[in-house]
Amino acid sequence: NYADSVKGRFTISTDNAKNTVYLQMNNLKPEDTTVYYCNADVR
């Protein structure tokens, strides 16, 4: 799921073997400027 403001521009994906998540950000806009934080719900 995505925020409406980034739909069509950002793509989230995972490499489960590496416990890694990615955020591909294309067509970045000035309003995207800020700090981004990763979150994980871990068992």
PDB file of all heavy atoms in Angstrom:
ATOM      1  N   ASN A   1       0.847  -1.179   0.000  1.00  0.00           N
ATOM      2  CA  ASN A   1       0.000   0.000   0.000  1.00  0.00           C
ATOM      3  C   ASN A   1       0.883   1.229   0.000  1.00  0.00           C
ATOM      4  O   ASN A   1       2.005   1.209   0.509  1.00  0.00           O
ATOM      5  CB  ASN A   1      -0.988   0.004   1.173  1.00  0.00           C
ATOM      6  CG  ASN A   1      -0.306   0.062   2.525  1.00  0.00           C
ATOM      7  OD1 ASN A   1      -0.078   1.146   3.065  1.00  0.00           O
ATOM      8  ND2 ASN A   1       0.013  -1.093   3.071  1.00  0.00           N
ATOM      9  N   TYR A   2       0.362   2.322  -0.582  1.00  0.00           N
ATOM     10  CA  TYR A   2       1.123   3.538  -0.770  1.00  0.00           C
ATOM     11  C   TYR A   2       0.298   4.750  -0.393  1.00  0.00           C
ATOM     12  O   TYR A   2      -0.930   4.760  -0.531  1.00  0.00           O
ATOM     13  CB  TYR A   2       1.546   3.694  -2.236  1.00  0.00           C
ATOM     14  CG  TYR A   2       2.451   2.609  -2.750  1.00  0.00           C
ATOM     15  CD1 TYR A   2       1.925   1.456  -3.334  1.00  0.00           C
ATOM     16  CD2 TYR A   2       3.831   2.738  -2.671  1.00  0.00           C
ATOM     17  CE1 TYR A   2       2.755   0.460  -3.811  1.00  0.00           C
ATOM     18  CE2 TYR A   2       4.668   1.741  -3.147  1.00  0.00           C
ATOM     19  CZ  TYR A   2       4.120   0.606  -3.717  1.00  0.00           C
ATOM     20  OH  TYR A   2       4.951  -0.378  -4.192  1.00  0.00           O
ATOM     21  N   ALA A   3       0.983   5.785   0.061  1.00  0.00           N
ATOM     22  CA  ALA A   3       0.340   7.070   0.214  1.00  0.00           C
ATOM     23  C   ALA A   3      -0.075   7.588  -1.158  1.00  0.00           C
ATOM     24  O   ALA A   3       0.620   7.366  -2.157  1.00  0.00           O
ATOM     25  CB  ALA A   3       1.274   8.066   0.887  1.00  0.00           C
ATOM     26  N   ASP A   4      -1.204   8.276  -1.216  1.00  0.00           N
ATOM     27  CA  ASP A   4      -1.697   8.775  -2.497  1.00  0.00           C
ATOM     28  C   ASP A   4      -0.667   9.665  -3.197  1.00  0.00           C
ATOM     29  O   ASP A   4      -0.568   9.662  -4.426  1.00  0.00           O
ATOM     30  CB  ASP A   4      -2.997   9.554  -2.302  1.00  0.00           C
ATOM     31  CG  ASP A   4      -4.174   8.662  -1.963  1.00  0.00           C
ATOM     32  OD1 ASP A   4      -4.109   7.449  -2.226  1.00  0.00           O
ATOM     33  OD2 ASP A   4      -5.176   9.194  -1.441  1.00  0.00           O
ATOM     34  N   SER A   5       0.104  10.398  -2.424  1.00  0.00           N
ATOM     35  CA  SER A   5       1.042  11.347  -2.995  1.00  0.00           C
ATOM     36  C   SER A   5       2.213  10.694  -3.725  1.00  0.00           C
ATOM     37  O   SER A   5       2.903  11.368  -4.495  1.00  0.00           O
ATOM     38  CB  SER A   5       1.585  12.279  -1.909  1.00  0.00           C
ATOM     39  OG  SER A   5       2.257  11.546  -0.905  1.00  0.00           O
ATOM     40  N   VAL A   6       2.447   9.396  -3.494  1.00  0.00           N
ATOM     41  CA  VAL A   6       3.587   8.729  -4.123  1.00  0.00           C
ATOM     42  C   VAL A   6       3.174   7.610  -5.069  1.00  0.00           C
ATOM     43  O   VAL A   6       4.045   7.006  -5.711  1.00  0.00           O
ATOM     44  CB  VAL A   6       4.568   8.174  -3.071  1.00  0.00           C
ATOM     45  CG1 VAL A   6       4.980   9.274  -2.098  1.00  0.00           C
ATOM     46  CG2 VAL A   6       3.967   6.985  -2.328  1.00  0.00           C
ATOM     47  N   LYS A   7       1.897   7.323  -5.176  1.00  0.00           N
ATOM     48  CA  LYS A   7       1.445   6.259  -6.063  1.00  0.00           C
ATOM     49  C   LYS A   7       1.878   6.543  -7.495  1.00  0.00           C
ATOM     50  O   LYS A   7       1.748   7.658  -7.997  1.00  0.00           O
ATOM     51  CB  LYS A   7      -0.074   6.109  -5.990  1.00  0.00           C
ATOM     52  CG  LYS A   7      -0.576   5.463  -4.720  1.00  0.00           C
ATOM     53  CD  LYS A   7      -2.091   5.325  -4.724  1.00  0.00           C
ATOM     54  CE  LYS A   7      -2.580   4.653  -3.457  1.00  0.00           C
ATOM     55  NZ  LYS A   7      -4.055   4.553  -3.413  1.00  0.00           N
ATOM     56  N   GLY A   8       2.407   5.513  -8.131  1.00  0.00           N
ATOM     57  CA  GLY A   8       2.884   5.652  -9.491  1.00  0.00           C
ATOM     58  C   GLY A   8       4.311   6.121  -9.598  1.00  0.00           C
ATOM     59  O   GLY A   8       4.903   6.049 -10.689  1.00  0.00           O
ATOM     60  N   ARG A   9       4.890   6.615  -8.506  1.00  0.00           N
ATOM     61  CA  ARG A   9       6.263   7.109  -8.507  1.00  0.00           C
ATOM     62  C   ARG A   9       7.197   6.261  -7.645  1.00  0.00           C
ATOM     63  O   ARG A   9       8.362   6.088  -7.992  1.00  0.00           O
ATOM     64  CB  ARG A   9       6.320   8.557  -8.023  1.00  0.00           C
ATOM     65  CG  ARG A   9       5.523   9.525  -8.891  1.00  0.00           C
ATOM     66  CD  ARG A   9       5.789  10.970  -8.487  1.00  0.00           C
ATOM     67  NE  ARG A   9       5.336  11.245  -7.119  1.00  0.00           N
ATOM     68  CZ  ARG A   9       6.126  11.647  -6.137  1.00  0.00           C
ATOM     69  NH1 ARG A   9       7.429  11.837  -6.371  1.00  0.00           N
ATOM     70  NH2 ARG A   9       5.630  11.892  -4.931  1.00  0.00           N
ATOM     71  N   PHE A  10       6.697   5.754  -6.514  1.00  0.00           N
ATOM     72  CA  PHE A  10       7.508   4.969  -5.589  1.00  0.00           C
ATOM     73  C   PHE A  10       7.096   3.501  -5.653  1.00  0.00           C
ATOM     74  O   PHE A  10       5.911   3.184  -5.839  1.00  0.00           O
ATOM     75  CB  PHE A  10       7.327   5.449  -4.150  1.00  0.00           C
ATOM     76  CG  PHE A  10       7.891   6.812  -3.849  1.00  0.00           C
ATOM     77  CD1 PHE A  10       8.370   7.645  -4.847  1.00  0.00           C
ATOM     78  CD2 PHE A  10       7.932   7.257  -2.535  1.00  0.00           C
ATOM     79  CE1 PHE A  10       8.881   8.901  -4.563  1.00  0.00           C
ATOM     80  CE2 PHE A  10       8.442   8.506  -2.229  1.00  0.00           C
ATOM     81  CZ  PHE A  10       8.917   9.329  -3.232  1.00  0.00           C
ATOM     82  N   THR A  11       8.061   2.603  -5.441  1.00  0.00           N
ATOM     83  CA  THR A  11       7.801   1.172  -5.409  1.00  0.00           C
ATOM     84  C   THR A  11       8.530   0.548  -4.233  1.00  0.00           C
ATOM     85  O   THR A  11       9.738   0.733  -4.083  1.00  0.00           O
ATOM     86  CB  THR A  11       8.252   0.481  -6.704  1.00  0.00           C
ATOM     87  OG1 THR A  11       7.590   1.076  -7.829  1.00  0.00           O
ATOM     88  CG2 THR A  11       7.900  -1.002  -6.660  1.00  0.00           C
ATOM     89  N   ILE A  12       7.802  -0.196  -3.400  1.00  0.00           N
ATOM     90  CA  ILE A  12       8.406  -0.898  -2.284  1.00  0.00           C
ATOM     91  C   ILE A  12       8.586  -2.365  -2.655  1.00  0.00           C
ATOM     92  O   ILE A  12       7.738  -2.956  -3.324  1.00  0.00           O
ATOM     93  CB  ILE A  12       7.557  -0.752  -1.002  1.00  0.00           C
ATOM     94  CG1 ILE A  12       8.301  -1.308   0.219  1.00  0.00           C
ATOM     95  CG2 ILE A  12       6.192  -1.403  -1.157  1.00  0.00           C
ATOM     96  CD1 ILE A  12       7.629  -0.974   1.545  1.00  0.00           C
ATOM     97  N   SER A  13       9.691  -2.952  -2.219  1.00  0.00           N
ATOM     98  CA  SER A  13       9.970  -4.353  -2.484  1.00  0.00           C
ATOM     99  C   SER A  13      10.846  -4.905  -1.370  1.00  0.00           C
ATOM    100  O   SER A  13      11.404  -4.152  -0.573  1.00  0.00           O
ATOM    101  CB  SER A  13      10.651  -4.536  -3.841  1.00  0.00           C
ATOM    102  OG  SER A  13      11.899  -3.872  -3.873  1.00  0.00           O
ATOM    103  N   THR A  14      10.970  -6.232  -1.314  1.00  0.00           N
ATOM    104  CA  THR A  14      11.773  -6.875  -0.280  1.00  0.00           C
ATOM    105  C   THR A  14      12.667  -7.951  -0.869  1.00  0.00           C
ATOM    106  O   THR A  14      12.384  -8.514  -1.927  1.00  0.00           O
ATOM    107  CB  THR A  14      10.905  -7.524   0.806  1.00  0.00           C
ATOM    108  OG1 THR A  14      10.037  -8.497   0.219  1.00  0.00           O
ATOM    109  CG2 THR A  14      10.079  -6.482   1.540  1.00  0.00           C
ATOM    110  N   ASP A  15      13.753  -8.216  -0.174  1.00  0.00           N
ATOM    111  CA  ASP A  15      14.575  -9.393  -0.384  1.00  0.00           C
ATOM    112  C   ASP A  15      14.488 -10.156   0.927  1.00  0.00           C
ATOM    113  O   ASP A  15      15.215  -9.865   1.878  1.00  0.00           O
ATOM    114  CB  ASP A  15      16.011  -9.013  -0.718  1.00  0.00           C
ATOM    115  CG  ASP A  15      16.880 -10.221  -1.010  1.00  0.00           C
ATOM    116  OD1 ASP A  15      16.526 -11.347  -0.607  1.00  0.00           O
ATOM    117  OD2 ASP A  15      17.937 -10.047  -1.649  1.00  0.00           O
ATOM    118  N   ASN A  16      13.596 -11.125   0.980  1.00  0.00           N
ATOM    119  CA  ASN A  16      13.331 -11.809   2.237  1.00  0.00           C
ATOM    120  C   ASN A  16      14.540 -12.575   2.764  1.00  0.00           C
ATOM    121  O   ASN A  16      14.726 -12.682   3.976  1.00  0.00           O
ATOM    122  CB  ASN A  16      12.143 -12.760   2.074  1.00  0.00           C
ATOM    123  CG  ASN A  16      10.836 -12.035   1.870  1.00  0.00           C
ATOM    124  OD1 ASN A  16      10.638 -10.928   2.370  1.00  0.00           O
ATOM    125  ND2 ASN A  16       9.920 -12.658   1.141  1.00  0.00           N
ATOM    126  N   ALA A  17      15.344 -13.113   1.862  1.00  0.00           N
ATOM    127  CA  ALA A  17      16.527 -13.853   2.290  1.00  0.00           C
ATOM    128  C   ALA A  17      17.516 -12.964   3.026  1.00  0.00           C
ATOM    129  O   ALA A  17      18.291 -13.444   3.855  1.00  0.00           O
ATOM    130  CB  ALA A  17      17.201 -14.518   1.096  1.00  0.00           C
ATOM    131  N   LYS A  18      17.501 -11.665   2.722  1.00  0.00           N
ATOM    132  CA  LYS A  18      18.412 -10.719   3.354  1.00  0.00           C
ATOM    133  C   LYS A  18      17.738  -9.847   4.400  1.00  0.00           C
ATOM    134  O   LYS A  18      18.379  -8.950   4.955  1.00  0.00           O
ATOM    135  CB  LYS A  18      19.059  -9.825   2.297  1.00  0.00           C
ATOM    136  CG  LYS A  18      19.934 -10.570   1.302  1.00  0.00           C
ATOM    137  CD  LYS A  18      20.582  -9.611   0.321  1.00  0.00           C
ATOM    138  CE  LYS A  18      21.495 -10.339  -0.650  1.00  0.00           C
ATOM    139  NZ  LYS A  18      22.139  -9.407  -1.605  1.00  0.00           N
ATOM    140  N   ASN A  19      16.454 -10.088   4.661  1.00  0.00           N
ATOM    141  CA  ASN A  19      15.686  -9.265   5.604  1.00  0.00           C
ATOM    142  C   ASN A  19      15.832  -7.782   5.277  1.00  0.00           C
ATOM    143  O   ASN A  19      16.045  -6.950   6.160  1.00  0.00           O
ATOM    144  CB  ASN A  19      16.118  -9.544   7.046  1.00  0.00           C
ATOM    145  CG  ASN A  19      15.713 -10.917   7.524  1.00  0.00           C
ATOM    146  OD1 ASN A  19      14.643 -11.424   7.170  1.00  0.00           O
ATOM    147  ND2 ASN A  19      16.560 -11.528   8.340  1.00  0.00           N
ATOM    148  N   THR A  20      15.687  -7.465   4.004  1.00  0.00           N
ATOM    149  CA  THR A  20      15.911  -6.113   3.520  1.00  0.00           C
ATOM    150  C   THR A  20      14.694  -5.612   2.751  1.00  0.00           C
ATOM    151  O   THR A  20      14.094  -6.359   1.973  1.00  0.00           O
ATOM    152  CB  THR A  20      17.149  -6.055   2.619  1.00  0.00           C
ATOM    153  OG1 THR A  20      18.303  -6.443   3.377  1.00  0.00           O
ATOM    154  CG2 THR A  20      17.365  -4.657   2.067  1.00  0.00           C
ATOM    155  N   VAL A  21      14.347  -4.357   2.970  1.00  0.00           N
ATOM    156  CA  VAL A  21      13.273  -3.706   2.232  1.00  0.00           C
ATOM    157  C   VAL A  21      13.858  -2.528   1.466  1.00  0.00           C
ATOM    158  O   VAL A  21      14.784  -1.862   1.941  1.00  0.00           O
ATOM    159  CB  VAL A  21      12.129  -3.256   3.169  1.00  0.00           C
ATOM    160  CG1 VAL A  21      12.605  -2.200   4.155  1.00  0.00           C
ATOM    161  CG2 VAL A  21      10.937  -2.758   2.369  1.00  0.00           C
ATOM    162  N   TYR A  22      13.315  -2.273   0.278  1.00  0.00           N
ATOM    163  CA  TYR A  22      13.773  -1.200  -0.580  1.00  0.00           C
ATOM    164  C   TYR A  22      12.625  -0.253  -0.893  1.00  0.00           C
ATOM    165  O   TYR A  22      11.456  -0.643  -0.899  1.00  0.00           O
ATOM    166  CB  TYR A  22      14.321  -1.746  -1.898  1.00  0.00           C
ATOM    167  CG  TYR A  22      15.394  -2.792  -1.731  1.00  0.00           C
ATOM    168  CD1 TYR A  22      15.085  -4.144  -1.730  1.00  0.00           C
ATOM    169  CD2 TYR A  22      16.728  -2.422  -1.586  1.00  0.00           C
ATOM    170  CE1 TYR A  22      16.060  -5.106  -1.580  1.00  0.00           C
ATOM    171  CE2 TYR A  22      17.715  -3.381  -1.436  1.00  0.00           C
ATOM    172  CZ  TYR A  22      17.384  -4.719  -1.433  1.00  0.00           C
ATOM    173  OH  TYR A  22      18.357  -5.676  -1.284  1.00  0.00           O
ATOM    174  N   LEU A  23      12.974   0.979  -1.171  1.00  0.00           N
ATOM    175  CA  LEU A  23      12.017   1.950  -1.672  1.00  0.00           C
ATOM    176  C   LEU A  23      12.630   2.627  -2.886  1.00  0.00           C
ATOM    177  O   LEU A  23      13.544   3.444  -2.747  1.00  0.00           O
ATOM    178  CB  LEU A  23      11.648   2.985  -0.611  1.00  0.00           C
ATOM    179  CG  LEU A  23      10.538   3.962  -1.012  1.00  0.00           C
ATOM    180  CD1 LEU A  23       9.210   3.231  -1.179  1.00  0.00           C
ATOM    181  CD2 LEU A  23      10.398   5.088   0.007  1.00  0.00           C
ATOM    182  N   GLN A  24      12.147   2.259  -4.065  1.00  0.00           N
ATOM    183  CA  GLN A  24      12.574   2.897  -5.297  1.00  0.00           C
ATOM    184  C   GLN A  24      11.743   4.149  -5.498  1.00  0.00           C
ATOM    185  O   GLN A  24      10.520   4.074  -5.595  1.00  0.00           O
ATOM    186  CB  GLN A  24      12.402   1.954  -6.486  1.00  0.00           C
ATOM    187  CG  GLN A  24      12.801   2.551  -7.827  1.00  0.00           C
ATOM    188  CD  GLN A  24      14.281   2.822  -7.922  1.00  0.00           C
ATOM    189  OE1 GLN A  24      15.086   1.970  -7.565  1.00  0.00           O
ATOM    190  NE2 GLN A  24      14.641   4.007  -8.391  1.00  0.00           N
ATOM    191  N   MET A  25      12.398   5.298  -5.558  1.00  0.00           N
ATOM    192  CA  MET A  25      11.724   6.576  -5.659  1.00  0.00           C
ATOM    193  C   MET A  25      12.081   7.210  -6.998  1.00  0.00           C
ATOM    194  O   MET A  25      13.231   7.584  -7.223  1.00  0.00           O
ATOM    195  CB  MET A  25      12.119   7.498  -4.503  1.00  0.00           C
ATOM    196  CG  MET A  25      11.823   6.917  -3.130  1.00  0.00           C
ATOM    197  SD  MET A  25      12.284   8.034  -1.777  1.00  0.00           S
ATOM    198  CE  MET A  25      14.069   7.979  -1.948  1.00  0.00           C
ATOM    199  N   ASN A  26      11.102   7.305  -7.879  1.00  0.00           N
ATOM    200  CA  ASN A  26      11.287   7.908  -9.188  1.00  0.00           C
ATOM    201  C   ASN A  26      10.525   9.220  -9.279  1.00  0.00           C
ATOM    202  O   ASN A  26       9.567   9.454  -8.545  1.00  0.00           O
ATOM    203  CB  ASN A  26      10.810   6.962 -10.286  1.00  0.00           C
ATOM    204  CG  ASN A  26      11.594   5.678 -10.353  1.00  0.00           C
ATOM    205  OD1 ASN A  26      12.784   5.653 -10.059  1.00  0.00           O
ATOM    206  ND2 ASN A  26      10.934   4.598 -10.754  1.00  0.00           N
ATOM    207  N   ASN A  27      10.952  10.061 -10.218  1.00  0.00           N
ATOM    208  CA  ASN A  27      10.303  11.353 -10.433  1.00  0.00           C
ATOM    209  C   ASN A  27      10.134  12.112  -9.124  1.00  0.00           C
ATOM    210  O   ASN A  27       9.044  12.582  -8.789  1.00  0.00           O
ATOM    211  CB  ASN A  27       8.956  11.161 -11.122  1.00  0.00           C
ATOM    212  CG  ASN A  27       8.360  12.455 -11.621  1.00  0.00           C
ATOM    213  OD1 ASN A  27       9.074  13.431 -11.861  1.00  0.00           O
ATOM    214  ND2 ASN A  27       7.035  12.480 -11.777  1.00  0.00           N
ATOM    215  N   LEU A  28      11.220  12.239  -8.392  1.00  0.00           N
ATOM    216  CA  LEU A  28      11.167  12.908  -7.097  1.00  0.00           C
ATOM    217  C   LEU A  28      10.781  14.373  -7.244  1.00  0.00           C
ATOM    218  O   LEU A  28      11.174  15.045  -8.198  1.00  0.00           O
ATOM    219  CB  LEU A  28      12.508  12.796  -6.390  1.00  0.00           C
ATOM    220  CG  LEU A  28      12.759  11.433  -5.727  1.00  0.00           C
ATOM    221  CD1 LEU A  28      14.241  11.220  -5.479  1.00  0.00           C
ATOM    222  CD2 LEU A  28      11.977  11.327  -4.428  1.00  0.00           C
ATOM    223  N   LYS A  29      10.008  14.846  -6.277  1.00  0.00           N
ATOM    224  CA  LYS A  29       9.538  16.217  -6.244  1.00  0.00           C
ATOM    225  C   LYS A  29      10.086  16.923  -5.010  1.00  0.00           C
ATOM    226  O   LYS A  29      10.392  16.273  -4.009  1.00  0.00           O
ATOM    227  CB  LYS A  29       8.006  16.254  -6.220  1.00  0.00           C
ATOM    228  CG  LYS A  29       7.341  15.557  -7.392  1.00  0.00           C
ATOM    229  CD  LYS A  29       5.827  15.567  -7.248  1.00  0.00           C
ATOM    230  CE  LYS A  29       5.156  14.883  -8.421  1.00  0.00           C
ATOM    231  NZ  LYS A  29       3.679  14.887  -8.286  1.00  0.00           N
ATOM    232  N   PRO A  30      10.194  18.245  -5.044  1.00  0.00           N
ATOM    233  CA  PRO A  30      10.674  18.964  -3.859  1.00  0.00           C
ATOM    234  C   PRO A  30       9.865  18.645  -2.602  1.00  0.00           C
ATOM    235  O   PRO A  30      10.433  18.603  -1.509  1.00  0.00           O
ATOM    236  CB  PRO A  30      10.528  20.436  -4.262  1.00  0.00           C
ATOM    237  CG  PRO A  30      10.706  20.420  -5.740  1.00  0.00           C
ATOM    238  CD  PRO A  30      10.032  19.152  -6.201  1.00  0.00           C
ATOM    239  N   GLU A  31       8.569  18.406  -2.740  1.00  0.00           N
ATOM    240  CA  GLU A  31       7.751  18.094  -1.585  1.00  0.00           C
ATOM    241  C   GLU A  31       8.037  16.721  -0.983  1.00  0.00           C
ATOM    242  O   GLU A  31       7.533  16.402   0.100  1.00  0.00           O
ATOM    243  CB  GLU A  31       6.254  18.214  -1.919  1.00  0.00           C
ATOM    244  CG  GLU A  31       5.848  17.489  -3.183  1.00  0.00           C
ATOM    245  CD  GLU A  31       5.787  18.410  -4.391  1.00  0.00           C
ATOM    246  OE1 GLU A  31       6.726  19.206  -4.580  1.00  0.00           O
ATOM    247  OE2 GLU A  31       4.790  18.339  -5.147  1.00  0.00           O
ATOM    248  N   ASP A  32       8.832  15.889  -1.664  1.00  0.00           N
ATOM    249  CA  ASP A  32       9.271  14.620  -1.102  1.00  0.00           C
ATOM    250  C   ASP A  32      10.437  14.794  -0.131  1.00  0.00           C
ATOM    251  O   ASP A  32      10.829  13.831   0.536  1.00  0.00           O
ATOM    252  CB  ASP A  32       9.704  13.652  -2.204  1.00  0.00           C
ATOM    253  CG  ASP A  32       8.571  13.266  -3.131  1.00  0.00           C
ATOM    254  OD1 ASP A  32       7.450  13.037  -2.646  1.00  0.00           O
ATOM    255  OD2 ASP A  32       8.817  13.187  -4.353  1.00  0.00           O
ATOM    256  N   THR A  33      11.000  15.977  -0.064  1.00  0.00           N
ATOM    257  CA  THR A  33      12.189  16.230   0.739  1.00  0.00           C
ATOM    258  C   THR A  33      11.877  16.145   2.225  1.00  0.00           C
ATOM    259  O   THR A  33      11.066  16.910   2.744  1.00  0.00           O
ATOM    260  CB  THR A  33      12.772  17.606   0.407  1.00  0.00           C
ATOM    261  OG1 THR A  33      13.207  17.630  -0.953  1.00  0.00           O
ATOM    262  CG2 THR A  33      13.956  17.924   1.315  1.00  0.00           C
ATOM    263  N   THR A  34      12.519  15.209   2.899  1.00  0.00           N
ATOM    264  CA  THR A  34      12.404  15.041   4.344  1.00  0.00           C
ATOM    265  C   THR A  34      13.218  13.818   4.731  1.00  0.00           C
ATOM    266  O   THR A  34      13.946  13.257   3.919  1.00  0.00           O
ATOM    267  CB  THR A  34      10.933  14.890   4.789  1.00  0.00           C
ATOM    268  OG1 THR A  34      10.855  14.950   6.222  1.00  0.00           O
ATOM    269  CG2 THR A  34      10.338  13.576   4.306  1.00  0.00           C
ATOM    270  N   VAL A  35      13.100  13.410   5.990  1.00  0.00           N
ATOM    271  CA  VAL A  35      13.779  12.214   6.475  1.00  0.00           C
ATOM    272  C   VAL A  35      12.830  11.032   6.379  1.00  0.00           C
ATOM    273  O   VAL A  35      11.666  11.127   6.783  1.00  0.00           O
ATOM    274  CB  VAL A  35      14.270  12.390   7.923  1.00  0.00           C
ATOM    275  CG1 VAL A  35      14.944  11.116   8.421  1.00  0.00           C
ATOM    276  CG2 VAL A  35      15.241  13.563   8.013  1.00  0.00           C
ATOM    277  N   TYR A  36      13.338   9.926   5.864  1.00  0.00           N
ATOM    278  CA  TYR A  36      12.555   8.708   5.701  1.00  0.00           C
ATOM    279  C   TYR A  36      13.019   7.661   6.704  1.00  0.00           C
ATOM    280  O   TYR A  36      14.213   7.423   6.858  1.00  0.00           O
ATOM    281  CB  TYR A  36      12.696   8.163   4.280  1.00  0.00           C
ATOM    282  CG  TYR A  36      11.953   8.984   3.263  1.00  0.00           C
ATOM    283  CD1 TYR A  36      12.384  10.265   2.928  1.00  0.00           C
ATOM    284  CD2 TYR A  36      10.801   8.491   2.642  1.00  0.00           C
ATOM    285  CE1 TYR A  36      11.689  11.036   2.012  1.00  0.00           C
ATOM    286  CE2 TYR A  36      10.106   9.256   1.720  1.00  0.00           C
ATOM    287  CZ  TYR A  36      10.552  10.520   1.409  1.00  0.00           C
ATOM    288  OH  TYR A  36       9.867  11.280   0.492  1.00  0.00           O
ATOM    289  N   TYR A  37      12.061   7.031   7.370  1.00  0.00           N
ATOM    290  CA  TYR A  37      12.344   6.053   8.404  1.00  0.00           C
ATOM    291  C   TYR A  37      11.791   4.685   8.021  1.00  0.00           C
ATOM    292  O   TYR A  37      10.641   4.564   7.611  1.00  0.00           O
ATOM    293  CB  TYR A  37      11.731   6.476   9.739  1.00  0.00           C
ATOM    294  CG  TYR A  37      12.316   7.743  10.306  1.00  0.00           C
ATOM    295  CD1 TYR A  37      11.753   8.980  10.019  1.00  0.00           C
ATOM    296  CD2 TYR A  37      13.436   7.701  11.126  1.00  0.00           C
ATOM    297  CE1 TYR A  37      12.288  10.144  10.530  1.00  0.00           C
ATOM    298  CE2 TYR A  37      13.976   8.859  11.646  1.00  0.00           C
ATOM    299  CZ  TYR A  37      13.401  10.076  11.348  1.00  0.00           C
ATOM    300  OH  TYR A  37      13.939  11.227  11.861  1.00  0.00           O
ATOM    301  N   CYS A  38      12.614   3.671   8.192  1.00  0.00           N
ATOM    302  CA  CYS A  38      12.208   2.298   7.959  1.00  0.00           C
ATOM    303  C   CYS A  38      11.613   1.709   9.231  1.00  0.00           C
ATOM    304  O   CYS A  38      12.085   1.989  10.337  1.00  0.00           O
ATOM    305  CB  CYS A  38      13.423   1.478   7.519  1.00  0.00           C
ATOM    306  SG  CYS A  38      13.130  -0.286   7.301  1.00  0.00           S
ATOM    307  N   ASN A  39      10.579   0.896   9.083  1.00  0.00           N
ATOM    308  CA  ASN A  39       9.936   0.221  10.205  1.00  0.00           C
ATOM    309  C   ASN A  39       9.749  -1.249   9.868  1.00  0.00           C
ATOM    310  O   ASN A  39       9.464  -1.601   8.727  1.00  0.00           O
ATOM    311  CB  ASN A  39       8.585   0.867  10.509  1.00  0.00           C
ATOM    312  CG  ASN A  39       7.807   0.116  11.577  1.00  0.00           C
ATOM    313  OD1 ASN A  39       7.004  -0.766  11.271  1.00  0.00           O
ATOM    314  ND2 ASN A  39       8.037   0.464  12.829  1.00  0.00           N
ATOM    315  N   ALA A  40       9.899  -2.105  10.883  1.00  0.00           N
ATOM    316  CA  ALA A  40       9.677  -3.530  10.695  1.00  0.00           C
ATOM    317  C   ALA A  40       8.954  -4.115  11.889  1.00  0.00           C
ATOM    318  O   ALA A  40       9.258  -3.777  13.039  1.00  0.00           O
ATOM    319  CB  ALA A  40      10.998  -4.268  10.482  1.00  0.00           C
ATOM    320  N   ASP A  41       7.983  -4.961  11.613  1.00  0.00           N
ATOM    321  CA  ASP A  41       7.272  -5.730  12.631  1.00  0.00           C
ATOM    322  C   ASP A  41       7.917  -7.108  12.652  1.00  0.00           C
ATOM    323  O   ASP A  41       7.705  -7.910  11.742  1.00  0.00           O
ATOM    324  CB  ASP A  41       5.787  -5.803  12.290  1.00  0.00           C
ATOM    325  CG  ASP A  41       4.973  -6.542  13.324  1.00  0.00           C
ATOM    326  OD1 ASP A  41       5.454  -6.725  14.463  1.00  0.00           O
ATOM    327  OD2 ASP A  41       3.838  -6.944  13.001  1.00  0.00           O
ATOM    328  N   VAL A  42       8.700  -7.374  13.694  1.00  0.00           N
ATOM    329  CA  VAL A  42       9.581  -8.535  13.730  1.00  0.00           C
ATOM    330  C   VAL A  42       9.106  -9.535  14.774  1.00  0.00           C
ATOM    331  O   VAL A  42       8.782  -9.170  15.906  1.00  0.00           O
ATOM    332  CB  VAL A  42      11.029  -8.114  14.044  1.00  0.00           C
ATOM    333  CG1 VAL A  42      11.942  -9.341  14.123  1.00  0.00           C
ATOM    334  CG2 VAL A  42      11.537  -7.142  12.992  1.00  0.00           C
ATOM    335  N   ARG A  43       9.086 -10.803  14.381  1.00  0.00           N
ATOM    336  CA  ARG A  43       8.827 -11.877  15.325  1.00  0.00           C
ATOM    337  C   ARG A  43      10.152 -12.436  15.797  1.00  0.00           C
ATOM    338  O   ARG A  43      10.992 -12.849  14.990  1.00  0.00           O
ATOM    339  CB  ARG A  43       7.983 -12.979  14.687  1.00  0.00           C
ATOM    340  CG  ARG A  43       7.515 -14.041  15.680  1.00  0.00           C
ATOM    341  CD  ARG A  43       6.825 -15.195  14.975  1.00  0.00           C
ATOM    342  NE  ARG A  43       6.265 -16.159  15.912  1.00  0.00           N
ATOM    343  CZ  ARG A  43       5.859 -17.382  15.590  1.00  0.00           C
ATOM    344  NH1 ARG A  43       5.942 -17.795  14.330  1.00  0.00           N
ATOM    345  NH2 ARG A  43       5.361 -18.190  16.512  1.00  0.00           N
TER     346      ARG A  43
END
